[in-house]
Protein backbone atom coordinates (compact mmCIF):
# COMPACT_ATOMS: atom_id res chain seq x y z
CA MET A 1 16.71 8.65 -12.19
CA THR A 2 15.22 6.67 -9.37
CA PRO A 3 14.60 3.24 -10.83
CA ASN A 4 11.17 1.78 -11.06
CA GLY A 5 8.67 4.53 -10.42
CA PRO A 6 5.25 3.75 -9.02
CA GLN A 7 2.29 2.39 -10.91
CA ARG A 8 -0.22 4.90 -12.29
CA GLY A 9 -2.10 6.74 -9.58
CA THR A 10 0.16 5.69 -6.69
CA VAL A 11 2.50 7.76 -4.55
CA ARG A 12 6.24 7.09 -4.82
CA ARG A 13 7.58 5.77 -1.54
CA MET A 14 11.31 5.70 -0.96
CA GLY A 15 12.95 2.88 0.95
CA THR A 16 16.47 2.83 2.31
CA LEU A 17 19.24 0.27 2.11
CA TYR A 18 21.81 0.42 4.92
CA TYR A 19 25.00 -1.46 4.14
CA GLY A 20 27.77 -2.18 6.63
CA ALA A 21 29.17 0.80 8.53
CA GLN A 22 28.36 3.10 5.61
CA ASP A 23 27.25 6.51 6.90
CA THR A 24 25.35 7.29 3.71
CA PRO A 25 22.00 5.52 3.32
CA ILE A 26 21.10 4.29 -0.16
CA HIS A 27 17.64 5.50 -1.17
CA ILE A 28 15.73 3.20 -3.52
CA GLU A 29 12.05 3.31 -4.43
CA ASP A 30 10.12 0.89 -2.15
CA ARG A 31 8.90 -1.40 -4.95
CA ALA A 32 12.39 -1.71 -6.42
CA LEU A 33 13.86 -2.34 -2.96
CA ALA A 34 11.34 -5.12 -2.30
CA HIS A 35 12.41 -6.89 -5.50
CA LEU A 36 16.09 -6.36 -4.74
CA LYS A 37 15.58 -7.78 -1.24
CA VAL A 38 14.38 -11.10 -2.69
CA VAL A 39 17.34 -11.41 -5.04
CA ILE A 40 19.94 -10.20 -2.52
CA ALA A 41 18.64 -12.46 0.27
CA THR A 42 18.71 -15.46 -2.07
CA LYS A 43 22.31 -14.79 -3.12
CA LEU A 44 23.54 -14.12 0.43
CA ARG A 45 21.73 -17.20 1.78
CA ARG A 46 23.79 -19.21 -0.72
CA ASN A 47 26.90 -17.51 0.70
CA GLU A 48 27.54 -15.75 -2.64
CA SER A 49 29.21 -12.34 -2.96
CA PHE A 50 28.33 -9.94 -5.79
CA THR A 51 28.02 -6.27 -6.73
CA LEU A 52 24.95 -4.02 -6.87
CA SER A 53 25.03 -0.98 -9.17
CA TRP A 54 22.55 1.85 -9.74
CA GLN A 55 22.31 5.32 -11.21
CA HIS A 56 21.92 8.14 -8.71
CA PRO A 57 18.41 9.56 -8.25
CA ASP A 58 17.64 12.91 -9.91
CA GLU A 59 17.86 14.78 -6.59
CA GLU A 60 21.46 13.60 -6.01
CA PRO A 61 24.61 14.59 -7.91
CA ARG A 62 24.76 12.91 -11.33
CA GLY A 63 26.56 9.57 -11.46
CA ARG A 64 26.34 5.93 -10.50
CA SER A 65 27.46 3.79 -7.59
CA THR A 66 28.41 0.18 -6.97
CA ILE A 67 28.74 -1.71 -3.69
CA TRP A 68 30.19 -5.15 -3.02
CA LEU A 69 27.70 -7.35 -1.15
CA HIS A 70 29.10 -10.10 1.07
CA PRO A 71 27.30 -12.39 3.56
CA SER A 72 29.47 -11.18 6.48
CA ILE A 73 28.60 -7.48 6.02
CA PRO A 74 25.46 -6.23 7.83
CA LEU A 75 22.59 -5.20 5.59
CA MET A 76 19.23 -3.64 6.48
CA PHE A 77 16.23 -2.86 4.26
CA VAL A 78 13.89 -0.11 5.50
CA PHE A 79 10.62 0.47 3.66
CA ASP A 80 8.54 3.64 3.75
CA ASP A 81 5.31 1.75 2.98
CA PRO A 82 4.15 -0.54 5.81
CA GLU A 83 2.50 -2.94 3.32
CA PRO A 84 4.70 -5.09 1.05
CA PRO A 85 4.05 -4.61 -2.68
CA GLU A 86 2.93 -7.34 -5.04
CA LEU A 87 6.10 -8.73 -6.56
CA SER A 88 6.76 -9.24 -10.26
CA ARG A 89 8.28 -12.62 -11.03
CA ALA A 90 9.64 -11.28 -14.35
CA TRP A 91 11.43 -8.40 -12.63
CA ILE A 92 12.90 -10.70 -9.95
CA GLU A 93 14.13 -13.05 -12.68
CA LYS A 94 15.69 -10.14 -14.60
CA LEU A 95 17.50 -8.92 -11.47
CA ALA A 96 18.56 -12.47 -10.55
CA HIS A 97 19.93 -13.03 -14.04
CA SER A 98 22.04 -9.88 -13.78
CA ALA A 99 23.22 -10.99 -10.32
CA ASN A 100 24.72 -14.08 -11.90
CA THR A 101 26.83 -12.11 -14.40
CA SER A 102 30.31 -10.72 -13.85
CA GLY A 103 28.80 -7.21 -13.64
CA GLY A 104 26.53 -8.13 -10.72
CA ILE A 105 23.04 -6.76 -10.14
CA LEU A 106 22.26 -3.72 -12.22
CA LEU A 107 19.18 -2.01 -10.81
CA VAL A 108 16.99 -1.52 -13.86
CA ASP A 109 13.47 -0.20 -14.36
CA GLU A 110 10.63 -2.65 -14.15
CA LEU A 111 9.05 -3.67 -17.44
CA LEU A 112 5.31 -4.18 -17.31
CA ALA A 113 3.40 -6.52 -19.60
CA ASP A 114 0.83 -4.78 -21.82
CA PRO A 115 -2.15 -7.18 -21.78
CA GLU A 116 -3.39 -5.92 -25.17
CA THR A 117 -0.15 -6.52 -27.03
CA GLU A 118 1.64 -8.93 -24.67
CA THR A 119 4.73 -6.72 -24.99
CA GLN A 120 6.83 -5.16 -22.27
CA THR A 121 6.36 -1.45 -21.59
CA GLU A 122 7.95 1.03 -19.22
CA PRO A 123 5.85 1.97 -16.16
CA ALA A 124 4.26 5.40 -16.05
CA THR A 125 6.37 8.22 -14.64
CA ASP A 126 5.04 10.64 -12.05
CA THR A 127 4.47 13.20 -14.82
CA GLU A 128 2.53 10.74 -16.96
CA ALA A 129 0.46 9.59 -13.98
CA SER A 130 -0.48 13.13 -12.97
CA ALA A 131 -1.33 14.06 -16.57
CA ASP A 132 -4.04 11.38 -16.53
CA ASP A 133 -5.68 12.73 -13.35
């Protein structure tokens, strides 16, 4: 699973998080990485340390990973898409809330508001998006 697939009709772009001297880049979908960047930068600016956890993408061996984020450890966000995405306040708040728990940030899928029902729904997957074309 790569969290937070693209909106219907868009191409999935993968960003990369480089952390410390780690030789292995962490690949995260661009939109998810943009939201994480806001939450992580806010926490680190406040000189707060915390963990970030995620499930491995489908193309990697099954499992999950966690890193400890600390203001003194170098961090770089690299985005595949040159244009920043529109950010979801609700998703940022959800990530920020998890950042303030003992478990740290858990990278979760974005929930989108359904304007007809005002309920939260999962975004379309690549399969669902291509089925509509």
